[in-house]
Amino acid sequence: MLIENEFDVAAQPAQVYELMLDPERVATCMPGAEVTGKNDDGSYDAQATVKLGPVKMTYKGTVSIVESDPEARTASMLAKGSETRGQGTAQATLRMAVAEHEGGSHVTVAADMLITGRVAQMGRGVMQDVARRMIGQMAQNMEALLAGGDQPKGSDAVSAGSLLGSVVADRAKRLFGSGQ
């Protein structure tokens, strides 16, 4: 499943690109994500916790930068992990590009994802909407980090339940109209 997102950040492209290539710093911008160590091969051990209603799932795995072009400000990363309890897995190849835009930066991210287990049962459309909202949250936190230098204070889990509720409400508005 391919999920594409884009967002603008009020920071210089070089700063945004540098941040995007620093898994330890960018993880602080994503609620529930944490880098737990750096490996000799340049990869990072990481974990992400997702809360889906009353169910909380933690994925542990690795993140590595597989390609980067500082001149073009593009990069590819590979993230893969497994549920710590359960049999679900997640793997994503992320391609990102940072471009100058109106005094700040425009970031495009494409994630080619393969997900198995309970999360995969949500369906593609809902997963795309949840991912867009999570990227939006990450963009806001990145902007705050770059503007003030403070590490964002995120929650200990991505609450897909609350994100899912707003996604369902948005979908209902699109289907049935908001003025009726």
C-alpha atoms as a PDB file:
ATOM      1  CA  MET A   1       0.000   0.000   0.000  1.00  0.00           C
ATOM      2  CA  LEU A   2       1.387   3.378  -1.023  1.00  0.00           C
ATOM      3  CA  ILE A   3       0.632   6.334   1.236  1.00  0.00           C
ATOM      4  CA  GLU A   4       1.694   9.754   0.006  1.00  0.00           C
ATOM      5  CA  ASN A   5       1.748  12.876   2.155  1.00  0.00           C
ATOM      6  CA  GLU A   6       3.074  16.377   1.886  1.00  0.00           C
ATOM      7  CA  PHE A   7       3.365  19.271   4.280  1.00  0.00           C
ATOM      8  CA  ASP A   8       4.963  22.678   4.676  1.00  0.00           C
ATOM      9  CA  VAL A   9       7.308  23.679   7.482  1.00  0.00           C
ATOM     10  CA  ALA A  10       8.350  27.241   8.319  1.00  0.00           C
ATOM     11  CA  ALA A  11      12.066  26.390   8.370  1.00  0.00           C
ATOM     12  CA  GLN A  12      14.885  26.408   5.846  1.00  0.00           C
ATOM     13  CA  PRO A  13      15.132  23.304   3.593  1.00  0.00           C
ATOM     14  CA  ALA A  14      18.664  22.480   4.784  1.00  0.00           C
ATOM     15  CA  GLN A  15      17.455  22.416   8.426  1.00  0.00           C
ATOM     16  CA  VAL A  16      14.412  20.287   7.597  1.00  0.00           C
ATOM     17  CA  TYR A  17      16.499  17.850   5.529  1.00  0.00           C
ATOM     18  CA  GLU A  18      19.064  17.516   8.315  1.00  0.00           C
ATOM     19  CA  LEU A  19      16.287  16.790  10.818  1.00  0.00           C
ATOM     20  CA  MET A  20      14.607  14.231   8.540  1.00  0.00           C
ATOM     21  CA  LEU A  21      17.915  12.314   8.332  1.00  0.00           C
ATOM     22  CA  ASP A  22      18.299  12.182  12.120  1.00  0.00           C
ATOM     23  CA  PRO A  23      16.074   9.311  13.317  1.00  0.00           C
ATOM     24  CA  GLU A  24      16.796  10.093  16.971  1.00  0.00           C
ATOM     25  CA  ARG A  25      15.504  13.672  16.651  1.00  0.00           C
ATOM     26  CA  VAL A  26      12.656  13.021  14.216  1.00  0.00           C
ATOM     27  CA  ALA A  27      11.321  10.227  16.464  1.00  0.00           C
ATOM     28  CA  THR A  28      10.658  12.868  19.138  1.00  0.00           C
ATOM     29  CA  CYS A  29       8.243  14.491  16.682  1.00  0.00           C
ATOM     30  CA  MET A  30       6.121  11.341  16.345  1.00  0.00           C
ATOM     31  CA  PRO A  31       3.956  10.430  19.339  1.00  0.00           C
ATOM     32  CA  GLY A  32       4.639   6.858  20.393  1.00  0.00           C
ATOM     33  CA  ALA A  33       7.916   6.564  18.462  1.00  0.00           C
ATOM     34  CA  GLU A  34      11.276   6.134  20.118  1.00  0.00           C
ATOM     35  CA  VAL A  35      14.784   5.320  18.955  1.00  0.00           C
ATOM     36  CA  THR A  36      16.283   2.924  21.478  1.00  0.00           C
ATOM     37  CA  GLY A  37      19.808   2.525  20.119  1.00  0.00           C
ATOM     38  CA  LYS A  38      22.237   2.902  17.250  1.00  0.00           C
ATOM     39  CA  ASN A  39      23.833  -0.114  15.587  1.00  0.00           C
ATOM     40  CA  ASP A  40      27.337  -0.483  14.114  1.00  0.00           C
ATOM     41  CA  ASP A  41      25.874  -0.767  10.594  1.00  0.00           C
ATOM     42  CA  GLY A  42      24.301   2.710  10.881  1.00  0.00           C
ATOM     43  CA  SER A  43      20.770   1.451  11.491  1.00  0.00           C
ATOM     44  CA  TYR A  44      18.757   2.367  14.565  1.00  0.00           C
ATOM     45  CA  ASP A  45      16.724   0.193  16.895  1.00  0.00           C
ATOM     46  CA  ALA A  46      13.301   1.724  17.305  1.00  0.00           C
ATOM     47  CA  GLN A  47       9.849   1.100  18.643  1.00  0.00           C
ATOM     48  CA  ALA A  48       6.430   2.599  18.052  1.00  0.00           C
ATOM     49  CA  THR A  49       3.338   2.198  20.179  1.00  0.00           C
ATOM     50  CA  VAL A  50      -0.128   2.475  18.648  1.00  0.00           C
ATOM     51  CA  LYS A  51      -3.302   2.582  20.700  1.00  0.00           C
ATOM     52  CA  LEU A  52      -6.399   1.409  18.848  1.00  0.00           C
ATOM     53  CA  GLY A  53      -9.355   1.832  21.188  1.00  0.00           C
ATOM     54  CA  PRO A  54      -8.598  -0.288  24.270  1.00  0.00           C
ATOM     55  CA  VAL A  55      -5.873  -2.271  22.469  1.00  0.00           C
ATOM     56  CA  LYS A  56      -2.283  -1.070  22.691  1.00  0.00           C
ATOM     57  CA  MET A  57       0.273  -2.500  20.247  1.00  0.00           C
ATOM     58  CA  THR A  58       4.017  -1.970  20.345  1.00  0.00           C
ATOM     59  CA  TYR A  59       6.186  -2.632  17.323  1.00  0.00           C
ATOM     60  CA  LYS A  60       9.940  -3.119  17.716  1.00  0.00           C
ATOM     61  CA  GLY A  61      12.352  -3.089  14.829  1.00  0.00           C
ATOM     62  CA  THR A  62      14.903  -1.052  12.950  1.00  0.00           C
ATOM     63  CA  VAL A  63      15.123   2.103  10.867  1.00  0.00           C
ATOM     64  CA  SER A  64      17.935   2.702   8.399  1.00  0.00           C
ATOM     65  CA  ILE A  65      18.766   5.328   5.821  1.00  0.00           C
ATOM     66  CA  VAL A  66      19.373   3.415   2.615  1.00  0.00           C
ATOM     67  CA  GLU A  67      20.002   6.320   0.255  1.00  0.00           C
ATOM     68  CA  SER A  68      20.501  10.068   0.535  1.00  0.00           C
ATOM     69  CA  ASP A  69      21.303  12.898  -1.839  1.00  0.00           C
ATOM     70  CA  PRO A  70      22.055  16.081   0.147  1.00  0.00           C
ATOM     71  CA  GLU A  71      22.298  18.214  -2.990  1.00  0.00           C
ATOM     72  CA  ALA A  72      18.791  17.248  -4.147  1.00  0.00           C
ATOM     73  CA  ARG A  73      17.601  16.935  -0.502  1.00  0.00           C
ATOM     74  CA  THR A  74      16.094  13.486  -1.113  1.00  0.00           C
ATOM     75  CA  ALA A  75      16.442  10.292   0.888  1.00  0.00           C
ATOM     76  CA  SER A  76      15.051   6.793   1.294  1.00  0.00           C
ATOM     77  CA  MET A  77      14.647   4.932   4.564  1.00  0.00           C
ATOM     78  CA  LEU A  78      13.644   1.416   5.445  1.00  0.00           C
ATOM     79  CA  ALA A  79      11.669   0.780   8.621  1.00  0.00           C
ATOM     80  CA  LYS A  80      10.570  -2.666   9.718  1.00  0.00           C
ATOM     81  CA  GLY A  81       9.235  -4.115  12.902  1.00  0.00           C
ATOM     82  CA  SER A  82       7.118  -6.751  14.568  1.00  0.00           C
ATOM     83  CA  GLU A  83       4.469  -6.561  17.252  1.00  0.00           C
ATOM     84  CA  THR A  84       5.955  -7.381  20.637  1.00  0.00           C
ATOM     85  CA  ARG A  85       2.752  -9.253  21.500  1.00  0.00           C
ATOM     86  CA  GLY A  86       1.024 -10.749  18.546  1.00  0.00           C
ATOM     87  CA  GLN A  87       2.002 -11.690  15.062  1.00  0.00           C
ATOM     88  CA  GLY A  88       1.599  -8.400  13.229  1.00  0.00           C
ATOM     89  CA  THR A  89       4.424  -6.912  11.204  1.00  0.00           C
ATOM     90  CA  ALA A  90       5.056  -3.598   9.521  1.00  0.00           C
ATOM     91  CA  GLN A  91       7.556  -2.677   6.850  1.00  0.00           C
ATOM     92  CA  ALA A  92       7.835   0.643   5.064  1.00  0.00           C
ATOM     93  CA  THR A  93      10.127   2.077   2.452  1.00  0.00           C
ATOM     94  CA  LEU A  94       9.953   5.830   2.873  1.00  0.00           C
ATOM     95  CA  ARG A  95      11.024   8.238   0.181  1.00  0.00           C
ATOM     96  CA  MET A  96      11.198  11.897   1.077  1.00  0.00           C
ATOM     97  CA  ALA A  97      12.129  15.140  -0.598  1.00  0.00           C
ATOM     98  CA  VAL A  98      12.527  18.630   0.842  1.00  0.00           C
ATOM     99  CA  ALA A  99      12.139  21.678  -1.422  1.00  0.00           C
ATOM    100  CA  GLU A 100      12.185  25.412  -0.813  1.00  0.00           C
ATOM    101  CA  HIS A 101       8.678  26.879  -0.681  1.00  0.00           C
ATOM    102  CA  GLU A 102       7.610  30.458   0.173  1.00  0.00           C
ATOM    103  CA  GLY A 103      10.492  31.113   2.558  1.00  0.00           C
ATOM    104  CA  GLY A 104      10.164  27.718   4.206  1.00  0.00           C
ATOM    105  CA  SER A 105      10.117  24.094   3.115  1.00  0.00           C
ATOM    106  CA  HIS A 106       7.750  21.775   1.330  1.00  0.00           C
ATOM    107  CA  VAL A 107       8.200  18.113   2.269  1.00  0.00           C
ATOM    108  CA  THR A 108       6.837  15.167   0.312  1.00  0.00           C
ATOM    109  CA  VAL A 109       6.839  11.708   1.830  1.00  0.00           C
ATOM    110  CA  ALA A 110       5.827   8.487   0.086  1.00  0.00           C
ATOM    111  CA  ALA A 111       5.605   5.346   2.193  1.00  0.00           C
ATOM    112  CA  ASP A 112       5.286   1.989   0.490  1.00  0.00           C
ATOM    113  CA  MET A 113       3.916  -0.106   3.346  1.00  0.00           C
ATOM    114  CA  LEU A 114       3.295  -3.763   3.981  1.00  0.00           C
ATOM    115  CA  ILE A 115       1.312  -4.346   7.165  1.00  0.00           C
ATOM    116  CA  THR A 116      -0.022  -7.582   8.605  1.00  0.00           C
ATOM    117  CA  GLY A 117      -1.998  -8.338  11.745  1.00  0.00           C
ATOM    118  CA  ARG A 118      -4.703  -6.422  13.580  1.00  0.00           C
ATOM    119  CA  VAL A 119      -3.803  -2.979  12.223  1.00  0.00           C
ATOM    120  CA  ALA A 120      -4.137  -4.216   8.632  1.00  0.00           C
ATOM    121  CA  GLN A 121      -7.793  -5.059   9.294  1.00  0.00           C
ATOM    122  CA  MET A 122      -8.672  -1.335   9.480  1.00  0.00           C
ATOM    123  CA  GLY A 123      -8.652  -1.114   5.689  1.00  0.00           C
ATOM    124  CA  ARG A 124      -6.612   0.925   3.266  1.00  0.00           C
ATOM    125  CA  GLY A 125      -8.717   4.110   3.173  1.00  0.00           C
ATOM    126  CA  VAL A 126      -8.886   4.456   6.936  1.00  0.00           C
ATOM    127  CA  MET A 127      -5.171   3.665   7.283  1.00  0.00           C
ATOM    128  CA  GLN A 128      -4.347   6.384   4.716  1.00  0.00           C
ATOM    129  CA  ASP A 129      -6.451   8.956   6.578  1.00  0.00           C
ATOM    130  CA  VAL A 130      -4.889   8.019   9.928  1.00  0.00           C
ATOM    131  CA  ALA A 131      -1.401   8.220   8.367  1.00  0.00           C
ATOM    132  CA  ARG A 132      -2.164  11.698   6.970  1.00  0.00           C
ATOM    133  CA  ARG A 133      -3.204  12.926  10.399  1.00  0.00           C
ATOM    134  CA  MET A 134      -0.121  11.384  12.016  1.00  0.00           C
ATOM    135  CA  ILE A 135       2.107  13.091   9.409  1.00  0.00           C
ATOM    136  CA  GLY A 136       0.296  16.361  10.144  1.00  0.00           C
ATOM    137  CA  GLN A 137       1.069  15.952  13.842  1.00  0.00           C
ATOM    138  CA  MET A 138       4.694  15.168  13.017  1.00  0.00           C
ATOM    139  CA  ALA A 139       4.938  18.282  10.793  1.00  0.00           C
ATOM    140  CA  GLN A 140       3.639  20.527  13.596  1.00  0.00           C
ATOM    141  CA  ASN A 141       6.119  19.019  16.056  1.00  0.00           C
ATOM    142  CA  MET A 142       8.995  19.347  13.566  1.00  0.00           C
ATOM    143  CA  GLU A 143       8.153  22.988  13.002  1.00  0.00           C
ATOM    144  CA  ALA A 144       8.080  23.623  16.763  1.00  0.00           C
ATOM    145  CA  LEU A 145      11.392  21.801  17.206  1.00  0.00           C
ATOM    146  CA  LEU A 146      13.071  23.763  14.404  1.00  0.00           C
ATOM    147  CA  ALA A 147      11.606  27.104  15.505  1.00  0.00           C
ATOM    148  CA  GLY A 148      12.372  26.884  19.203  1.00  0.00           C
ATOM    149  CA  GLY A 149      14.877  24.112  19.505  1.00  0.00           C
ATOM    150  CA  ASP A 150      12.829  22.369  22.213  1.00  0.00           C
ATOM    151  CA  GLN A 151      12.151  18.673  21.935  1.00  0.00           C
ATOM    152  CA  PRO A 152       8.399  18.114  21.427  1.00  0.00           C
ATOM    153  CA  LYS A 153       6.562  16.544  24.316  1.00  0.00           C
ATOM    154  CA  GLY A 154       4.547  13.760  22.747  1.00  0.00           C
ATOM    155  CA  SER A 155       2.346  11.144  24.282  1.00  0.00           C
ATOM    156  CA  ASP A 156       3.610   7.640  24.894  1.00  0.00           C
ATOM    157  CA  ALA A 157       1.488   6.201  22.091  1.00  0.00           C
ATOM    158  CA  VAL A 158      -0.044   7.135  18.785  1.00  0.00           C
ATOM    159  CA  SER A 159      -3.702   7.088  19.701  1.00  0.00           C
ATOM    160  CA  ALA A 160      -5.172   5.656  16.553  1.00  0.00           C
ATOM    161  CA  GLY A 161      -8.462   5.378  18.407  1.00  0.00           C
ATOM    162  CA  SER A 162      -8.908   9.145  18.691  1.00  0.00           C
ATOM    163  CA  LEU A 163      -7.451   9.649  15.217  1.00  0.00           C
ATOM    164  CA  LEU A 164      -9.761   6.936  13.942  1.00  0.00           C
ATOM    165  CA  GLY A 165     -12.790   8.672  15.475  1.00  0.00           C
ATOM    166  CA  SER A 166     -12.030  11.942  13.699  1.00  0.00           C
ATOM    167  CA  VAL A 167     -11.283  10.072  10.463  1.00  0.00           C
ATOM    168  CA  VAL A 168     -14.672   8.321  10.618  1.00  0.00           C
ATOM    169  CA  ALA A 169     -16.392  11.667  11.308  1.00  0.00           C
ATOM    170  CA  ASP A 170     -14.616  13.276   8.328  1.00  0.00           C
ATOM    171  CA  ARG A 171     -15.595  10.371   6.074  1.00  0.00           C
ATOM    172  CA  ALA A 172     -19.223  10.632   7.193  1.00  0.00           C
ATOM    173  CA  LYS A 173     -19.239  14.370   6.401  1.00  0.00           C
ATOM    174  CA  ARG A 174     -17.869  13.671   2.918  1.00  0.00           C
ATOM    175  CA  LEU A 175     -20.456  10.952   2.298  1.00  0.00           C
ATOM    176  CA  PHE A 176     -23.505  12.678   3.701  1.00  0.00           C
ATOM    177  CA  GLY A 177     -22.561  16.365   3.433  1.00  0.00           C
ATOM    178  CA  SER A 178     -21.902  18.694   6.328  1.00  0.00           C
ATOM    179  CA  GLY A 179     -24.845  21.030   5.822  1.00  0.00           C
ATOM    180  CA  GLN A 180     -27.695  18.518   6.186  1.00  0.00           C
END
